[in-house]
Amino acid sequence: MTHVGRREYLRAIYRRYRKAEAEEKGQILDEFCRVCGYHRKYAIRLLGQACPPLRPRTRRSRRPAYGPQVIQALALIWEAAGYPWSVRLKALLPLWLPWLRQRVVLTPPLERQVLQISPRQIDRRLRSRKGELRRRMYGRTKPGTLLKHQIPIKTDHWDVTAPGFTEIDLVSHSGNCAEGEFAHSLNLTDIHSTWTETRAVLGKGQAGIVRALEEMRQGLPFRLEGIDSDNGSEFLNDQLLRYCRARRIQFTRGRPYKKDDNAHIEQKNWTHVRRLIGWDRYDSPAAVGLLNDLYRNELRWMMNLFQPSVKLIRKQRVGSRLKRRYDTPQTPLDRLRASQEAEPSRVAELLEIRQKTDPFALAQSIEKKLDRIAALANRRERSDRVTSQMA
């Protein structure tokens, strides 16, 4: 029962209680305590004092601390950065704010408000702008059976303090038809720094996978120490195994049908590929070329130089709940800058690129390239195949 309901009930029985005899008062009191959940002494005190007037409880409302100009500035950064969640958005505000001044007029008080707004307040103020989440689909990985005994299974959790140990995976761009040859995105993410590289390949041939991995290795600002993959045949093959042994790269694999063993790369598959490219089918060399043009340039700079990420520090079981604690959001480049194992010349070059690059212009360039890629999607494959079978 609500507070107003209890007061109404008190007013309804008040006169009857005051006029009743001792035995009837006891019955009314018992009923009052049972209905309202009051302690008997408190109920006696309420019925013994003057009957309270029925006044609805009013809640004082505060004026919003952040005006529409602050929320508009937040929304501009939020949309250009690819809709990051509030904690990451809060962390990237100082990095993006100097470039925002070139697009909107911000007074010093407004800038201070933009920088001091909390993640919880960001969630509340941007709630109306958030759209629906896209659907998820299962992958099309075919398990590999060769060389499994030569590639050890990694069952423990990552506990690395230096860059170089990575997870890799393929993202299928088959659309609604898995027949024939189509494009895949090869994803690689570093566990320590969260630095991510992506390349597109046509088909899942061993030679194409090794070439793409070698190109990514040469572009990394640190030495590649190890890779961890799933059990797909595109990874568990002799060519990739010989490649890793020749370059002294540790090669491990996860357990079959245990996606949590590769949780880091599964998350990057969504944020760096699927959320942007979607689920359409791309099966032409032109589409693969445009994908690689995006992966090697604008998307690489945006995700690694301008997008902060968080890392899980620990998990704690409290009753039936699992509480997770994360570190302070940082960009992959900032994590590499604080690491002694990263190559100083590469890091200095990347810092110079970030200082000269406008993230808003970078976001606009990404959108234009995504439109060009979407124009090459093959959306007729499934319907054409079904039509030919019916004929």
Protein backbone atom coordinates (compact mmCIF):
# COMPACT_ATOMS: atom_id res chain seq x y z
CA MET A 1 0.00 0.00 0.00
CA THR A 2 1.27 3.47 -0.86
CA HIS A 3 1.72 6.30 1.63
CA VAL A 4 -1.33 8.11 0.27
CA GLY A 5 -3.39 4.91 0.52
CA ARG A 6 -2.42 4.46 4.17
CA ARG A 7 -3.46 8.03 4.95
CA GLU A 8 -6.81 7.52 3.23
CA TYR A 9 -7.40 4.35 5.23
CA LEU A 10 -6.47 6.19 8.44
CA ARG A 11 -9.00 8.93 7.71
CA ALA A 12 -11.68 6.31 6.94
CA ILE A 13 -11.36 4.51 10.30
CA TYR A 14 -10.41 7.49 12.46
CA ARG A 15 -13.92 8.57 13.59
CA ARG A 16 -15.10 4.97 14.01
CA TYR A 17 -12.07 4.22 16.22
CA ARG A 18 -12.52 7.32 18.40
CA LYS A 19 -16.22 6.51 19.08
CA ALA A 20 -15.76 2.75 19.62
CA GLU A 21 -15.62 0.91 22.93
CA ALA A 22 -12.42 -0.71 24.21
CA GLU A 23 -13.08 -4.17 22.72
CA GLU A 24 -14.04 -2.76 19.30
CA LYS A 25 -11.01 -0.45 19.36
CA GLY A 26 -8.79 -3.49 19.74
CA GLN A 27 -10.36 -5.11 16.68
CA ILE A 28 -10.03 -1.92 14.60
CA LEU A 29 -6.42 -1.59 15.74
CA ASP A 30 -5.64 -5.18 14.74
CA GLU A 31 -7.16 -4.60 11.31
CA PHE A 32 -5.27 -1.30 10.88
CA CYS A 33 -1.91 -2.95 11.68
CA ARG A 34 -2.62 -5.89 9.36
CA VAL A 35 -3.66 -3.72 6.39
CA CYS A 36 -0.99 -1.02 6.66
CA GLY A 37 1.84 -3.09 8.13
CA TYR A 38 2.35 -0.70 11.06
CA HIS A 39 3.71 -1.59 14.49
CA ARG A 40 0.93 -1.60 17.08
CA LYS A 41 2.45 1.21 19.17
CA TYR A 42 2.86 3.40 16.08
CA ALA A 43 -0.73 2.68 15.00
CA ILE A 44 -2.03 3.69 18.47
CA ARG A 45 -0.07 6.94 18.24
CA LEU A 46 -1.53 7.73 14.80
CA LEU A 47 -5.11 7.06 15.91
CA GLY A 48 -4.63 8.98 19.15
CA GLN A 49 -3.55 12.28 17.57
CA ALA A 50 -5.51 14.69 15.38
CA CYS A 51 -6.74 13.31 12.11
CA PRO A 52 -4.20 14.30 9.42
CA PRO A 53 -5.42 16.09 6.28
CA LEU A 54 -5.13 14.21 3.01
CA ARG A 55 -2.31 15.96 1.21
CA PRO A 56 -0.48 14.31 -1.66
CA ARG A 57 3.24 14.08 -1.20
CA THR A 58 5.04 16.42 -3.52
CA ARG A 59 8.57 15.76 -4.70
CA ARG A 60 10.78 18.73 -5.21
CA SER A 61 12.27 18.76 -8.68
CA ARG A 62 15.72 20.12 -9.36
CA ARG A 63 16.55 22.22 -12.34
CA PRO A 64 18.78 20.33 -14.77
CA ALA A 65 22.44 21.12 -14.18
CA TYR A 66 23.36 20.62 -17.83
CA GLY A 67 21.60 22.64 -20.49
CA PRO A 68 20.76 21.69 -24.07
CA GLN A 69 24.06 23.09 -25.39
CA VAL A 70 26.06 20.70 -23.21
CA ILE A 71 23.93 17.72 -24.23
CA GLN A 72 24.20 18.70 -27.91
CA ALA A 73 28.00 18.82 -27.63
CA LEU A 74 28.00 15.42 -25.94
CA ALA A 75 25.74 13.99 -28.63
CA LEU A 76 28.03 15.25 -31.43
CA ILE A 77 31.04 13.48 -29.91
CA TRP A 78 28.99 10.38 -29.04
CA GLU A 79 27.69 9.95 -32.60
CA ALA A 80 31.03 10.67 -34.29
CA ALA A 81 32.84 8.22 -31.97
CA GLY A 82 30.47 5.38 -32.88
CA TYR A 83 28.11 5.51 -29.86
CA PRO A 84 30.47 4.36 -27.07
CA TRP A 85 29.03 3.59 -23.65
CA SER A 86 29.14 6.33 -21.02
CA VAL A 87 32.37 5.35 -19.23
CA ARG A 88 34.33 5.28 -22.50
CA LEU A 89 32.63 8.46 -23.70
CA LYS A 90 33.66 10.23 -20.50
CA ALA A 91 37.27 9.13 -21.06
CA LEU A 92 37.49 10.34 -24.67
CA LEU A 93 35.99 13.80 -24.04
CA PRO A 94 39.34 15.55 -23.31
CA LEU A 95 40.82 14.04 -26.48
CA TRP A 96 37.95 15.09 -28.73
CA LEU A 97 37.05 18.45 -27.18
CA PRO A 98 39.78 20.52 -28.96
CA TRP A 99 38.43 19.35 -32.32
CA LEU A 100 34.84 20.05 -31.25
CA ARG A 101 35.72 23.75 -30.82
CA GLN A 102 36.19 23.96 -34.59
CA ARG A 103 32.57 22.92 -35.16
CA VAL A 104 30.52 24.51 -32.38
CA VAL A 105 30.91 27.56 -30.19
CA LEU A 106 31.83 26.52 -26.67
CA THR A 107 32.31 29.02 -23.87
CA PRO A 108 34.69 28.12 -21.00
CA PRO A 109 31.76 27.38 -18.61
CA LEU A 110 30.22 25.02 -21.19
CA GLU A 111 33.55 23.24 -21.67
CA ARG A 112 33.87 22.74 -17.94
CA GLN A 113 30.39 21.25 -17.81
CA VAL A 114 31.16 18.89 -20.69
CA LEU A 115 34.30 17.66 -18.93
CA GLN A 116 32.74 17.30 -15.46
CA ILE A 117 29.54 15.45 -16.38
CA SER A 118 29.45 11.96 -14.86
CA PRO A 119 28.91 8.69 -16.79
CA ARG A 120 25.59 8.09 -15.00
CA GLN A 121 24.37 11.53 -16.02
CA ILE A 122 25.50 10.87 -19.59
CA ASP A 123 23.40 7.71 -19.62
CA ARG A 124 20.35 9.60 -18.40
CA ARG A 125 20.70 12.55 -20.77
CA LEU A 126 21.43 10.48 -23.89
CA ARG A 127 18.84 7.77 -23.18
CA SER A 128 16.29 9.20 -25.59
CA ARG A 129 18.84 9.18 -28.43
CA LYS A 130 19.82 5.55 -28.17
CA GLY A 131 18.46 3.21 -30.79
CA GLU A 132 17.73 -0.47 -30.74
CA LEU A 133 20.53 -3.00 -30.73
CA ARG A 134 21.12 -4.94 -33.90
CA ARG A 135 20.46 -8.64 -34.03
CA ARG A 136 23.24 -11.20 -33.55
CA MET A 137 24.04 -14.19 -35.72
CA TYR A 138 26.07 -17.33 -35.23
CA GLY A 139 29.32 -17.79 -37.09
CA ARG A 140 30.10 -20.32 -39.80
CA THR A 141 33.39 -21.75 -38.50
CA LYS A 142 34.11 -25.30 -39.60
CA PRO A 143 36.21 -27.14 -36.99
CA GLY A 144 39.66 -28.21 -38.06
CA THR A 145 40.86 -31.71 -37.22
CA LEU A 146 44.46 -31.70 -38.46
CA LEU A 147 47.46 -30.87 -36.25
CA LYS A 148 45.38 -30.48 -33.10
CA HIS A 149 47.88 -32.53 -31.12
CA GLN A 150 50.68 -30.14 -32.18
CA ILE A 151 48.91 -26.95 -31.08
CA PRO A 152 48.42 -26.77 -27.29
CA ILE A 153 45.11 -25.75 -25.73
CA LYS A 154 45.16 -22.60 -23.64
CA THR A 155 42.80 -23.08 -20.69
CA ASP A 156 44.06 -20.49 -18.18
CA HIS A 157 43.14 -16.80 -18.15
CA TRP A 158 45.39 -14.18 -19.72
CA ASP A 159 47.79 -12.69 -17.20
CA VAL A 160 50.14 -10.58 -19.32
CA THR A 161 51.82 -7.29 -18.45
CA ALA A 162 53.37 -6.54 -21.84
CA PRO A 163 52.04 -6.27 -25.41
CA GLY A 164 52.56 -9.03 -27.97
CA PHE A 165 50.20 -11.83 -26.94
CA THR A 166 47.09 -11.74 -29.12
CA GLU A 167 43.87 -13.49 -30.06
CA ILE A 168 42.80 -13.93 -33.70
CA ASP A 169 39.53 -14.86 -35.38
CA LEU A 170 37.65 -14.67 -38.69
CA VAL A 171 34.36 -12.84 -39.25
CA SER A 172 32.26 -14.18 -42.12
CA HIS A 173 30.71 -11.87 -44.72
CA SER A 174 28.54 -14.51 -46.38
CA GLY A 175 25.16 -12.83 -46.01
CA ASN A 176 22.28 -15.32 -46.06
CA CYS A 177 24.11 -17.79 -48.32
CA ALA A 178 27.28 -19.62 -47.31
CA GLU A 179 27.88 -21.18 -50.72
CA GLY A 180 30.89 -20.32 -52.86
CA GLU A 181 33.76 -18.02 -51.96
CA PHE A 182 33.13 -14.84 -50.02
CA ALA A 183 35.04 -12.32 -47.92
CA HIS A 184 36.18 -12.73 -44.33
CA SER A 185 37.65 -10.20 -41.92
CA LEU A 186 40.70 -11.46 -40.03
CA ASN A 187 40.78 -9.81 -36.62
CA LEU A 188 43.76 -9.62 -34.26
CA THR A 189 43.70 -7.96 -30.83
CA ASP A 190 46.46 -7.53 -28.28
CA ILE A 191 45.51 -8.61 -24.76
CA HIS A 192 47.58 -6.04 -22.84
CA SER A 193 47.00 -2.88 -24.87
CA THR A 194 43.73 -3.85 -26.70
CA TRP A 195 45.42 -2.72 -29.96
CA THR A 196 43.46 -4.24 -32.86
CA GLU A 197 44.34 -4.90 -36.50
CA THR A 198 41.94 -6.16 -39.18
CA ARG A 199 42.41 -7.37 -42.76
CA ALA A 200 39.93 -8.69 -45.31
CA VAL A 201 40.60 -11.89 -47.27
CA LEU A 202 38.62 -13.59 -50.03
CA GLY A 203 37.94 -17.14 -48.90
CA LYS A 204 39.62 -19.01 -46.04
CA GLY A 205 42.66 -20.32 -47.88
CA GLN A 206 45.76 -20.96 -45.79
CA ALA A 207 48.01 -18.77 -47.95
CA GLY A 208 45.64 -15.79 -47.74
CA ILE A 209 45.38 -16.05 -43.95
CA VAL A 210 49.17 -16.21 -43.55
CA ARG A 211 49.70 -13.22 -45.88
CA ALA A 212 47.15 -11.12 -43.97
CA LEU A 213 48.69 -12.11 -40.63
CA GLU A 214 52.19 -11.19 -41.85
CA GLU A 215 50.95 -7.78 -43.03
CA MET A 216 49.35 -7.12 -39.65
CA ARG A 217 52.50 -8.28 -37.84
CA GLN A 218 54.63 -5.78 -39.72
CA GLY A 219 52.22 -2.96 -38.89
CA LEU A 220 52.12 -3.64 -35.15
CA PRO A 221 53.95 -1.13 -32.91
CA PHE A 222 55.29 -4.05 -30.83
CA ARG A 223 56.69 -7.51 -31.44
CA LEU A 224 54.15 -10.29 -32.00
CA GLU A 225 54.89 -12.85 -29.28
CA GLY A 226 51.91 -15.19 -29.52
CA ILE A 227 48.55 -15.87 -31.15
CA ASP A 228 45.57 -17.76 -29.76
CA SER A 229 42.81 -18.94 -32.10
CA ASP A 230 39.71 -21.10 -32.16
CA ASN A 231 39.67 -24.58 -33.72
CA GLY A 232 38.73 -23.52 -37.25
CA SER A 233 40.52 -25.22 -40.13
CA GLU A 234 41.67 -21.83 -41.39
CA PHE A 235 44.00 -21.66 -38.37
CA LEU A 236 44.78 -25.28 -37.51
CA ASN A 237 46.86 -26.06 -40.58
CA ASP A 238 50.47 -26.82 -41.37
CA GLN A 239 51.18 -23.55 -43.18
CA LEU A 240 50.24 -21.31 -40.24
CA LEU A 241 52.01 -23.63 -37.80
CA ARG A 242 55.25 -23.46 -39.82
CA TYR A 243 54.87 -19.68 -40.11
CA CYS A 244 54.64 -19.29 -36.32
CA ARG A 245 57.56 -21.63 -35.65
CA ALA A 246 59.78 -19.81 -38.16
CA ARG A 247 59.15 -16.45 -36.43
CA ARG A 248 59.13 -17.84 -32.89
CA ILE A 249 55.51 -16.95 -32.31
CA GLN A 250 53.68 -18.93 -29.62
CA PHE A 251 50.63 -20.64 -31.17
CA THR A 252 47.80 -21.86 -28.91
CA ARG A 253 44.12 -22.64 -29.40
CA GLY A 254 40.95 -22.56 -27.31
CA ARG A 255 38.76 -25.47 -26.39
CA PRO A 256 36.23 -26.61 -29.01
CA TYR A 257 32.79 -24.97 -28.68
CA LYS A 258 33.99 -22.70 -25.83
CA LYS A 259 33.70 -19.13 -27.15
CA ASP A 260 34.60 -17.69 -23.75
CA ASP A 261 38.16 -18.94 -24.29
CA ASN A 262 38.45 -16.24 -26.99
CA ALA A 263 36.31 -13.59 -25.33
CA HIS A 264 38.64 -10.68 -26.16
CA ILE A 265 38.54 -11.21 -29.91
CA GLU A 266 34.83 -12.07 -29.91
CA GLN A 267 34.15 -8.62 -28.46
CA LYS A 268 36.34 -6.96 -31.11
CA ASN A 269 34.55 -8.94 -33.82
CA TRP A 270 31.43 -6.99 -32.90
CA THR A 271 32.85 -3.51 -32.27
CA HIS A 272 35.40 -3.44 -35.11
CA VAL A 273 33.66 -5.47 -37.83
CA ARG A 274 30.07 -6.63 -37.44
CA ARG A 275 28.66 -3.39 -36.01
CA LEU A 276 30.09 -1.46 -38.98
CA ILE A 277 30.00 -3.88 -41.91
CA GLY A 278 26.80 -5.70 -40.97
CA TRP A 279 25.70 -9.13 -42.21
CA ASP A 280 25.60 -8.58 -45.99
CA ARG A 281 27.46 -10.79 -48.45
CA TYR A 282 30.68 -9.52 -50.04
CA ASP A 283 32.21 -11.87 -52.61
CA SER A 284 34.17 -9.69 -55.03
CA PRO A 285 37.83 -8.58 -55.10
CA ALA A 286 36.63 -4.97 -55.31
CA ALA A 287 34.76 -5.31 -52.00
CA VAL A 288 37.79 -6.90 -50.35
CA GLY A 289 39.94 -4.02 -51.62
CA LEU A 290 37.60 -1.39 -50.17
CA LEU A 291 37.42 -3.26 -46.85
CA ASN A 292 41.21 -3.34 -46.60
CA ASP A 293 41.42 0.34 -47.51
CA LEU A 294 39.17 1.06 -44.53
CA TYR A 295 40.89 -1.39 -42.18
CA ARG A 296 44.43 -0.15 -42.94
CA ASN A 297 43.67 3.55 -42.57
CA GLU A 298 40.71 5.38 -41.02
CA LEU A 299 39.26 2.56 -38.92
CA ARG A 300 42.72 1.66 -37.61
CA TRP A 301 43.38 5.21 -36.45
CA MET A 302 39.89 5.69 -35.00
CA MET A 303 39.86 2.51 -32.90
CA ASN A 304 43.47 2.53 -31.71
CA LEU A 305 44.19 6.25 -31.36
CA PHE A 306 40.88 7.86 -30.39
CA GLN A 307 38.68 5.16 -28.78
CA PRO A 308 39.33 4.37 -25.08
CA SER A 309 38.68 0.82 -23.92
CA VAL A 310 38.39 -0.77 -20.49
CA LYS A 311 40.03 -3.92 -19.19
CA LEU A 312 38.61 -6.29 -16.59
CA ILE A 313 40.69 -6.22 -13.39
CA ARG A 314 38.85 -8.78 -11.29
CA LYS A 315 35.53 -10.53 -10.75
CA GLN A 316 33.97 -10.99 -7.32
CA ARG A 317 31.05 -13.24 -6.42
CA VAL A 318 28.63 -11.56 -3.97
CA GLY A 319 25.78 -13.95 -3.29
CA SER A 320 24.10 -14.63 -6.62
CA ARG A 321 25.63 -11.59 -8.27
CA LEU A 322 28.96 -11.34 -10.07
CA LYS A 323 30.59 -7.93 -9.65
CA ARG A 324 33.18 -6.90 -12.22
CA ARG A 325 35.82 -4.25 -11.64
CA TYR A 326 37.40 -2.46 -14.61
CA ASP A 327 40.43 -0.23 -14.93
CA THR A 328 40.43 3.40 -16.07
CA PRO A 329 39.49 3.71 -19.77
CA GLN A 330 42.51 4.33 -22.00
CA THR A 331 43.15 4.25 -25.72
CA PRO A 332 45.34 1.39 -26.99
CA LEU A 333 47.97 3.96 -27.96
CA ASP A 334 48.11 5.37 -24.43
CA ARG A 335 48.57 1.87 -23.01
CA LEU A 336 51.42 1.26 -25.45
CA ARG A 337 53.00 4.61 -24.54
CA ALA A 338 53.17 3.47 -20.91
CA SER A 339 54.71 0.11 -21.85
CA GLN A 340 58.45 -0.38 -22.13
CA GLU A 341 58.09 -3.26 -24.60
CA ALA A 342 56.49 -1.13 -27.34
CA GLU A 343 58.70 0.26 -30.11
CA PRO A 344 59.41 3.93 -29.18
CA SER A 345 59.77 5.11 -32.78
CA ARG A 346 56.44 3.59 -33.80
CA VAL A 347 54.70 5.02 -30.72
CA ALA A 348 56.13 8.50 -31.39
CA GLU A 349 54.93 8.31 -35.00
CA LEU A 350 51.44 7.31 -33.88
CA LEU A 351 51.30 10.12 -31.32
CA GLU A 352 52.18 12.61 -34.04
CA ILE A 353 49.44 11.18 -36.27
CA ARG A 354 46.89 11.55 -33.46
CA GLN A 355 47.90 15.14 -32.79
CA LYS A 356 47.35 16.10 -36.45
CA THR A 357 44.21 14.05 -37.12
CA ASP A 358 40.71 15.43 -36.67
CA PRO A 359 38.54 12.59 -35.26
CA PHE A 360 35.34 14.19 -36.59
CA ALA A 361 36.76 14.25 -40.13
CA LEU A 362 37.94 10.69 -39.55
CA ALA A 363 34.41 9.62 -38.62
CA GLN A 364 32.98 11.28 -41.75
CA SER A 365 35.55 9.50 -43.93
CA ILE A 366 34.63 6.16 -42.34
CA GLU A 367 30.94 6.75 -43.09
CA LYS A 368 31.71 7.55 -46.75
CA LYS A 369 33.80 4.43 -47.17
CA LEU A 370 31.12 2.31 -45.48
CA ASP A 371 28.60 3.63 -48.02
CA ARG A 372 30.90 2.64 -50.88
CA ILE A 373 31.39 -0.82 -49.36
CA ALA A 374 27.64 -1.30 -48.87
CA ALA A 375 27.05 -0.53 -52.55
CA LEU A 376 29.08 -3.67 -53.44
CA ALA A 377 27.04 -6.00 -51.22
CA ASN A 378 25.57 -9.03 -53.01
CA ARG A 379 22.02 -9.21 -51.65
CA ARG A 380 20.59 -11.29 -54.51
CA GLU A 381 22.50 -14.51 -53.93
CA ARG A 382 19.89 -16.24 -51.80
CA SER A 383 16.86 -15.21 -53.88
CA ASP A 384 18.56 -16.16 -57.16
CA ARG A 385 19.49 -19.59 -55.83
CA VAL A 386 15.98 -20.27 -54.53
CA THR A 387 14.45 -19.14 -57.83
CA SER A 388 16.71 -21.44 -59.85
CA GLN A 389 15.82 -24.41 -57.63
CA MET A 390 12.06 -23.75 -58.02
CA ALA A 391 12.45 -23.51 -61.80
